[in-house]
Amino acid sequence: YHAGLSAEERRHIEKVWIGGEINFVVCTSAFGMGINKPDVRWVIHFQAPSLLSEYIQEVGRGGRDGKPAEALTLISEPTGWLDPEDKQRQKFLMDKLRSQYQAAEKLIKQLPTTGNIDSLIDEFPDAAIALSILHSSGKLRWRDPFNYIINKSSSGKKVSLNYSSGVEEMNKYFSTRKCRWQFLLEAFGFSQEAENMRCGHCDNCIREGRIH
């Protein structure tokens, strides 16, 4: 599933997957936008998203029926020394992210001051990046991982372009040894909830349990 398919082909794939006729879809990130299938059990990233806001929106497609779901992200040695293609791919994605940030900056003034990221992405494909810019600039707070509030005093003010900090935050998430849910809560501004958080089921919590 990718942008090169016709609209008819894309709608057909969505229909048969949601209807349970096929079990898996290999796709680009665009497939997750606006998709609400309750019984998704696995979300696997062959390439990591560039931003935490994109990551949480994509893995949030799993387990919407309240039952357990697992998210797996494949990452490689970051400098590209082991695989030069990784370094080239990272440069390509950084260039793409730079252009997305520039488009998102123009979009910010059109966003409602409160909303849900899922419904917003249906209307504005670059909304996740725009919200990430606002959050990193201290002009937005998350009520939970899917609902946000933009500070009204920030309306009309220029937001600085800083896509590198978002990428660094994503890299820190993958390299952290702490509970991954604790990291996500802290990243989205839920410091109090994160203080003693140990989910007990992420890879880091499971590893720590085995050590002790």
C-alpha atoms as a PDB file:
ATOM      1  CA  TYR A   1       0.000   0.000   0.000  1.00  0.00           C
ATOM      2  CA  HIS A   2       1.674   3.210  -1.173  1.00  0.00           C
ATOM      3  CA  ALA A   3       1.054   6.499  -2.950  1.00  0.00           C
ATOM      4  CA  GLY A   4       1.832   4.953  -6.343  1.00  0.00           C
ATOM      5  CA  LEU A   5      -1.394   2.931  -6.287  1.00  0.00           C
ATOM      6  CA  SER A   6      -4.614   4.291  -7.707  1.00  0.00           C
ATOM      7  CA  ALA A   7      -7.314   5.489  -5.308  1.00  0.00           C
ATOM      8  CA  GLU A   8      -9.415   2.470  -6.288  1.00  0.00           C
ATOM      9  CA  GLU A   9      -6.594   0.053  -5.456  1.00  0.00           C
ATOM     10  CA  ARG A  10      -5.956   1.740  -2.104  1.00  0.00           C
ATOM     11  CA  ARG A  11      -9.647   1.649  -1.138  1.00  0.00           C
ATOM     12  CA  HIS A  12      -9.804  -2.045  -2.058  1.00  0.00           C
ATOM     13  CA  ILE A  13      -6.844  -2.898   0.195  1.00  0.00           C
ATOM     14  CA  GLU A  14      -8.373  -0.926   3.062  1.00  0.00           C
ATOM     15  CA  LYS A  15     -11.716  -2.687   2.602  1.00  0.00           C
ATOM     16  CA  VAL A  16     -10.409  -6.268   2.527  1.00  0.00           C
ATOM     17  CA  TRP A  17      -8.060  -5.647   5.470  1.00  0.00           C
ATOM     18  CA  ILE A  18     -10.685  -4.020   7.683  1.00  0.00           C
ATOM     19  CA  GLY A  19     -13.106  -6.776   6.676  1.00  0.00           C
ATOM     20  CA  GLY A  20     -10.668  -9.463   7.821  1.00  0.00           C
ATOM     21  CA  GLU A  21     -10.110 -10.994   4.383  1.00  0.00           C
ATOM     22  CA  ILE A  22      -6.340 -10.439   4.710  1.00  0.00           C
ATOM     23  CA  ASN A  23      -4.288 -10.501   7.920  1.00  0.00           C
ATOM     24  CA  PHE A  24      -1.404  -8.155   7.106  1.00  0.00           C
ATOM     25  CA  VAL A  25      -0.740  -5.020   5.072  1.00  0.00           C
ATOM     26  CA  VAL A  26       2.764  -3.865   4.129  1.00  0.00           C
ATOM     27  CA  CYS A  27       2.441  -0.132   3.698  1.00  0.00           C
ATOM     28  CA  THR A  28       3.821   3.374   3.995  1.00  0.00           C
ATOM     29  CA  SER A  29       2.906   5.591   6.949  1.00  0.00           C
ATOM     30  CA  ALA A  30      -0.018   7.111   5.027  1.00  0.00           C
ATOM     31  CA  PHE A  31      -2.020   3.890   5.471  1.00  0.00           C
ATOM     32  CA  GLY A  32      -2.396   4.446   9.215  1.00  0.00           C
ATOM     33  CA  MET A  33      -4.043   7.837   8.856  1.00  0.00           C
ATOM     34  CA  GLY A  34      -7.763   7.634   9.481  1.00  0.00           C
ATOM     35  CA  ILE A  35      -7.723   3.834   9.824  1.00  0.00           C
ATOM     36  CA  ASN A  36      -9.631   2.504  12.828  1.00  0.00           C
ATOM     37  CA  LYS A  37      -9.551  -1.298  13.012  1.00  0.00           C
ATOM     38  CA  PRO A  38     -10.164  -2.433  16.619  1.00  0.00           C
ATOM     39  CA  ASP A  39      -8.367  -5.797  16.568  1.00  0.00           C
ATOM     40  CA  VAL A  40      -4.878  -4.875  15.300  1.00  0.00           C
ATOM     41  CA  ARG A  41      -2.466  -7.068  17.277  1.00  0.00           C
ATOM     42  CA  TRP A  42       0.883  -6.064  15.713  1.00  0.00           C
ATOM     43  CA  VAL A  43       2.366  -2.801  14.398  1.00  0.00           C
ATOM     44  CA  ILE A  44       5.819  -3.398  12.904  1.00  0.00           C
ATOM     45  CA  HIS A  45       8.075  -0.591  11.672  1.00  0.00           C
ATOM     46  CA  PHE A  46      10.731  -1.651   9.180  1.00  0.00           C
ATOM     47  CA  GLN A  47      11.978   1.954   9.295  1.00  0.00           C
ATOM     48  CA  ALA A  48      11.560   4.063  12.412  1.00  0.00           C
ATOM     49  CA  PRO A  49       9.388   7.212  12.263  1.00  0.00           C
ATOM     50  CA  SER A  50      11.311  10.480  12.550  1.00  0.00           C
ATOM     51  CA  LEU A  51       9.211  11.945  15.379  1.00  0.00           C
ATOM     52  CA  LEU A  52       7.636  10.626  18.580  1.00  0.00           C
ATOM     53  CA  SER A  53       4.309  12.229  17.644  1.00  0.00           C
ATOM     54  CA  GLU A  54       4.270  10.150  14.447  1.00  0.00           C
ATOM     55  CA  TYR A  55       5.363   7.032  16.319  1.00  0.00           C
ATOM     56  CA  ILE A  56       2.666   7.231  19.002  1.00  0.00           C
ATOM     57  CA  GLN A  57       0.015   7.917  16.374  1.00  0.00           C
ATOM     58  CA  GLU A  58       1.094   4.883  14.331  1.00  0.00           C
ATOM     59  CA  VAL A  59       1.557   2.346  17.143  1.00  0.00           C
ATOM     60  CA  GLY A  60      -1.698   3.652  18.620  1.00  0.00           C
ATOM     61  CA  ARG A  61      -3.480   1.758  15.841  1.00  0.00           C
ATOM     62  CA  GLY A  62      -2.873  -1.433  17.799  1.00  0.00           C
ATOM     63  CA  GLY A  63      -5.120  -2.762  20.558  1.00  0.00           C
ATOM     64  CA  ARG A  64      -8.007  -0.359  20.132  1.00  0.00           C
ATOM     65  CA  ASP A  65     -10.369  -3.076  21.324  1.00  0.00           C
ATOM     66  CA  GLY A  66      -8.662  -2.953  24.733  1.00  0.00           C
ATOM     67  CA  LYS A  67      -6.848  -6.260  24.246  1.00  0.00           C
ATOM     68  CA  PRO A  68      -3.027  -6.629  24.230  1.00  0.00           C
ATOM     69  CA  ALA A  69      -1.114  -5.568  21.119  1.00  0.00           C
ATOM     70  CA  GLU A  70       2.600  -5.384  20.382  1.00  0.00           C
ATOM     71  CA  ALA A  71       4.722  -2.783  18.588  1.00  0.00           C
ATOM     72  CA  LEU A  72       8.083  -3.744  17.096  1.00  0.00           C
ATOM     73  CA  THR A  73      10.523  -1.302  15.484  1.00  0.00           C
ATOM     74  CA  LEU A  74      13.588  -2.503  13.584  1.00  0.00           C
ATOM     75  CA  ILE A  75      16.592  -0.200  13.986  1.00  0.00           C
ATOM     76  CA  SER A  76      20.217  -0.522  12.877  1.00  0.00           C
ATOM     77  CA  GLU A  77      23.600   0.905  13.819  1.00  0.00           C
ATOM     78  CA  PRO A  78      22.994   4.689  13.599  1.00  0.00           C
ATOM     79  CA  THR A  79      26.240   5.897  11.965  1.00  0.00           C
ATOM     80  CA  GLY A  80      25.751   3.727   8.888  1.00  0.00           C
ATOM     81  CA  TRP A  81      29.198   2.178   9.222  1.00  0.00           C
ATOM     82  CA  LEU A  82      27.755  -1.309   9.222  1.00  0.00           C
ATOM     83  CA  ASP A  83      25.483  -0.541   6.295  1.00  0.00           C
ATOM     84  CA  PRO A  84      26.206   2.598   4.192  1.00  0.00           C
ATOM     85  CA  GLU A  85      22.651   2.495   2.843  1.00  0.00           C
ATOM     86  CA  ASP A  86      21.361   3.263   6.346  1.00  0.00           C
ATOM     87  CA  LYS A  87      23.319   6.513   6.405  1.00  0.00           C
ATOM     88  CA  GLN A  88      22.057   7.450   2.938  1.00  0.00           C
ATOM     89  CA  ARG A  89      18.501   6.591   3.949  1.00  0.00           C
ATOM     90  CA  GLN A  90      18.774   8.722   7.085  1.00  0.00           C
ATOM     91  CA  LYS A  91      19.962  11.710   5.013  1.00  0.00           C
ATOM     92  CA  PHE A  92      17.052  11.225   2.606  1.00  0.00           C
ATOM     93  CA  LEU A  93      14.577  11.097   5.487  1.00  0.00           C
ATOM     94  CA  MET A  94      16.116  14.182   7.116  1.00  0.00           C
ATOM     95  CA  ASP A  95      15.746  16.125   3.853  1.00  0.00           C
ATOM     96  CA  LYS A  96      12.145  14.959   3.598  1.00  0.00           C
ATOM     97  CA  LEU A  97      11.495  15.878   7.223  1.00  0.00           C
ATOM     98  CA  ARG A  98      12.927  19.360   6.630  1.00  0.00           C
ATOM     99  CA  SER A  99      10.417  19.994   3.832  1.00  0.00           C
ATOM    100  CA  GLN A 100       7.599  18.560   5.968  1.00  0.00           C
ATOM    101  CA  TYR A 101       8.516  20.935   8.794  1.00  0.00           C
ATOM    102  CA  GLN A 102       8.398  23.893   6.438  1.00  0.00           C
ATOM    103  CA  ALA A 103       4.922  22.850   5.257  1.00  0.00           C
ATOM    104  CA  ALA A 104       3.814  22.215   8.848  1.00  0.00           C
ATOM    105  CA  GLU A 105       4.917  25.689   9.954  1.00  0.00           C
ATOM    106  CA  LYS A 106       2.499  27.196   7.436  1.00  0.00           C
ATOM    107  CA  LEU A 107      -0.230  24.844   8.675  1.00  0.00           C
ATOM    108  CA  ILE A 108       0.037  25.780  12.371  1.00  0.00           C
ATOM    109  CA  LYS A 109      -2.106  28.919  12.093  1.00  0.00           C
ATOM    110  CA  GLN A 110      -4.974  26.819  10.645  1.00  0.00           C
ATOM    111  CA  LEU A 111      -5.125  24.299  13.501  1.00  0.00           C
ATOM    112  CA  PRO A 112      -7.955  24.399  16.069  1.00  0.00           C
ATOM    113  CA  THR A 113      -6.772  25.179  19.604  1.00  0.00           C
ATOM    114  CA  THR A 114      -8.074  21.831  20.906  1.00  0.00           C
ATOM    115  CA  GLY A 115      -8.576  18.562  19.109  1.00  0.00           C
ATOM    116  CA  ASN A 116      -7.781  14.912  18.467  1.00  0.00           C
ATOM    117  CA  ILE A 117      -4.755  13.996  16.373  1.00  0.00           C
ATOM    118  CA  ASP A 118      -6.593  11.242  14.475  1.00  0.00           C
ATOM    119  CA  SER A 119      -9.426  13.455  13.247  1.00  0.00           C
ATOM    120  CA  LEU A 120      -6.983  16.281  12.540  1.00  0.00           C
ATOM    121  CA  ILE A 121      -4.775  14.099  10.327  1.00  0.00           C
ATOM    122  CA  ASP A 122      -7.799  13.181   8.224  1.00  0.00           C
ATOM    123  CA  GLU A 123      -8.007  16.852   7.230  1.00  0.00           C
ATOM    124  CA  PHE A 124      -4.327  17.851   7.424  1.00  0.00           C
ATOM    125  CA  PRO A 125      -1.764  15.104   6.552  1.00  0.00           C
ATOM    126  CA  ASP A 126       1.113  17.114   8.113  1.00  0.00           C
ATOM    127  CA  ALA A 127      -0.774  17.738  11.367  1.00  0.00           C
ATOM    128  CA  ALA A 128       1.350  15.334  13.463  1.00  0.00           C
ATOM    129  CA  ILE A 129       4.506  17.248  12.577  1.00  0.00           C
ATOM    130  CA  ALA A 130       2.811  20.616  13.164  1.00  0.00           C
ATOM    131  CA  LEU A 131       1.716  19.487  16.635  1.00  0.00           C
ATOM    132  CA  SER A 132       5.229  18.209  17.338  1.00  0.00           C
ATOM    133  CA  ILE A 133       6.663  21.636  16.468  1.00  0.00           C
ATOM    134  CA  LEU A 134       4.211  23.338  18.817  1.00  0.00           C
ATOM    135  CA  HIS A 135       4.944  20.861  21.621  1.00  0.00           C
ATOM    136  CA  SER A 136       8.725  21.202  21.322  1.00  0.00           C
ATOM    137  CA  SER A 137       8.294  24.993  21.376  1.00  0.00           C
ATOM    138  CA  GLY A 138       6.279  24.837  24.606  1.00  0.00           C
ATOM    139  CA  LYS A 139       3.140  26.113  22.899  1.00  0.00           C
ATOM    140  CA  LEU A 140       1.088  22.919  23.160  1.00  0.00           C
ATOM    141  CA  ARG A 141       0.327  20.386  25.871  1.00  0.00           C
ATOM    142  CA  TRP A 142      -1.064  16.891  25.474  1.00  0.00           C
ATOM    143  CA  ARG A 143      -4.140  15.939  27.498  1.00  0.00           C
ATOM    144  CA  ASP A 144      -3.286  12.328  26.574  1.00  0.00           C
ATOM    145  CA  PRO A 145      -1.294  10.818  23.664  1.00  0.00           C
ATOM    146  CA  PHE A 146      -4.092  11.606  21.194  1.00  0.00           C
ATOM    147  CA  ASN A 147      -5.710  14.871  22.386  1.00  0.00           C
ATOM    148  CA  TYR A 148      -4.008  18.256  22.577  1.00  0.00           C
ATOM    149  CA  ILE A 149      -4.505  21.861  23.700  1.00  0.00           C
ATOM    150  CA  ILE A 150      -2.675  24.779  22.047  1.00  0.00           C
ATOM    151  CA  ASN A 151      -1.904  27.723  24.323  1.00  0.00           C
ATOM    152  CA  LYS A 152      -4.199  30.531  23.189  1.00  0.00           C
ATOM    153  CA  SER A 153      -1.499  33.106  23.896  1.00  0.00           C
ATOM    154  CA  SER A 154       0.613  31.417  21.196  1.00  0.00           C
ATOM    155  CA  SER A 155      -1.833  32.178  18.385  1.00  0.00           C
ATOM    156  CA  GLY A 156      -0.230  34.181  15.629  1.00  0.00           C
ATOM    157  CA  LYS A 157       3.283  33.929  17.083  1.00  0.00           C
ATOM    158  CA  LYS A 158       6.034  32.536  14.905  1.00  0.00           C
ATOM    159  CA  VAL A 159       7.249  29.079  15.932  1.00  0.00           C
ATOM    160  CA  SER A 160      10.921  28.289  15.467  1.00  0.00           C
ATOM    161  CA  LEU A 161      11.891  25.521  13.054  1.00  0.00           C
ATOM    162  CA  ASN A 162      13.785  22.839  14.989  1.00  0.00           C
ATOM    163  CA  TYR A 163      13.295  19.451  13.368  1.00  0.00           C
ATOM    164  CA  SER A 164      16.658  18.169  14.649  1.00  0.00           C
ATOM    165  CA  SER A 165      15.457  18.159  18.283  1.00  0.00           C
ATOM    166  CA  GLY A 166      12.475  16.002  17.311  1.00  0.00           C
ATOM    167  CA  VAL A 167      14.743  13.496  15.585  1.00  0.00           C
ATOM    168  CA  GLU A 168      17.075  13.433  18.604  1.00  0.00           C
ATOM    169  CA  GLU A 169      14.112  12.733  20.897  1.00  0.00           C
ATOM    170  CA  MET A 170      13.096   9.801  18.698  1.00  0.00           C
ATOM    171  CA  ASN A 171      16.645   8.420  18.808  1.00  0.00           C
ATOM    172  CA  LYS A 172      16.706   8.765  22.605  1.00  0.00           C
ATOM    173  CA  TYR A 173      13.489   6.763  22.810  1.00  0.00           C
ATOM    174  CA  PHE A 174      15.082   3.864  20.962  1.00  0.00           C
ATOM    175  CA  SER A 175      18.283   3.935  23.025  1.00  0.00           C
ATOM    176  CA  THR A 176      16.727   4.463  26.472  1.00  0.00           C
ATOM    177  CA  ARG A 177      17.024   1.767  29.127  1.00  0.00           C
ATOM    178  CA  LYS A 178      14.075   3.042  31.148  1.00  0.00           C
ATOM    179  CA  CYS A 179      10.475   1.908  30.775  1.00  0.00           C
ATOM    180  CA  ARG A 180       9.360   2.975  27.308  1.00  0.00           C
ATOM    181  CA  TRP A 181       5.958   4.117  28.542  1.00  0.00           C
ATOM    182  CA  GLN A 182       7.701   6.189  31.214  1.00  0.00           C
ATOM    183  CA  PHE A 183       9.795   7.834  28.483  1.00  0.00           C
ATOM    184  CA  LEU A 184       6.703   8.558  26.362  1.00  0.00           C
ATOM    185  CA  LEU A 185       4.800  10.055  29.291  1.00  0.00           C
ATOM    186  CA  GLU A 186       7.734  12.343  30.104  1.00  0.00           C
ATOM    187  CA  ALA A 187       8.144  13.324  26.446  1.00  0.00           C
ATOM    188  CA  PHE A 188       4.489  14.335  26.198  1.00  0.00           C
ATOM    189  CA  GLY A 189       4.626  16.370  29.400  1.00  0.00           C
ATOM    190  CA  PHE A 190       3.106  13.913  31.908  1.00  0.00           C
ATOM    191  CA  SER A 191       5.988  14.148  34.388  1.00  0.00           C
ATOM    192  CA  GLN A 192       3.927  13.372  37.480  1.00  0.00           C
ATOM    193  CA  GLU A 193       2.357  10.259  35.953  1.00  0.00           C
ATOM    194  CA  ALA A 194       5.773   9.133  34.689  1.00  0.00           C
ATOM    195  CA  GLU A 195       7.571   9.500  38.025  1.00  0.00           C
ATOM    196  CA  ASN A 196       7.110   5.916  39.239  1.00  0.00           C
ATOM    197  CA  MET A 197       5.881   4.399  35.984  1.00  0.00           C
ATOM    198  CA  ARG A 198       6.915   0.832  35.159  1.00  0.00           C
ATOM    199  CA  CYS A 199       4.600  -0.736  32.603  1.00  0.00           C
ATOM    200  CA  GLY A 200       6.022  -4.229  33.135  1.00  0.00           C
ATOM    201  CA  HIS A 201       5.534  -5.334  29.536  1.00  0.00           C
ATOM    202  CA  CYS A 202       7.849  -3.259  27.300  1.00  0.00           C
ATOM    203  CA  ASP A 203      11.181  -4.814  26.306  1.00  0.00           C
ATOM    204  CA  ASN A 204      13.116  -2.732  28.857  1.00  0.00           C
ATOM    205  CA  CYS A 205      10.833  -3.672  31.759  1.00  0.00           C
ATOM    206  CA  ILE A 206      10.977  -7.344  30.763  1.00  0.00           C
ATOM    207  CA  ARG A 207      14.787  -7.188  30.496  1.00  0.00           C
ATOM    208  CA  GLU A 208      15.056  -5.507  33.900  1.00  0.00           C
ATOM    209  CA  GLY A 209      12.798  -8.158  35.413  1.00  0.00           C
ATOM    210  CA  ARG A 210      15.022 -10.920  34.071  1.00  0.00           C
ATOM    211  CA  ILE A 211      18.142  -9.254  35.504  1.00  0.00           C
ATOM    212  CA  HIS A 212      16.587  -8.937  38.964  1.00  0.00           C
END
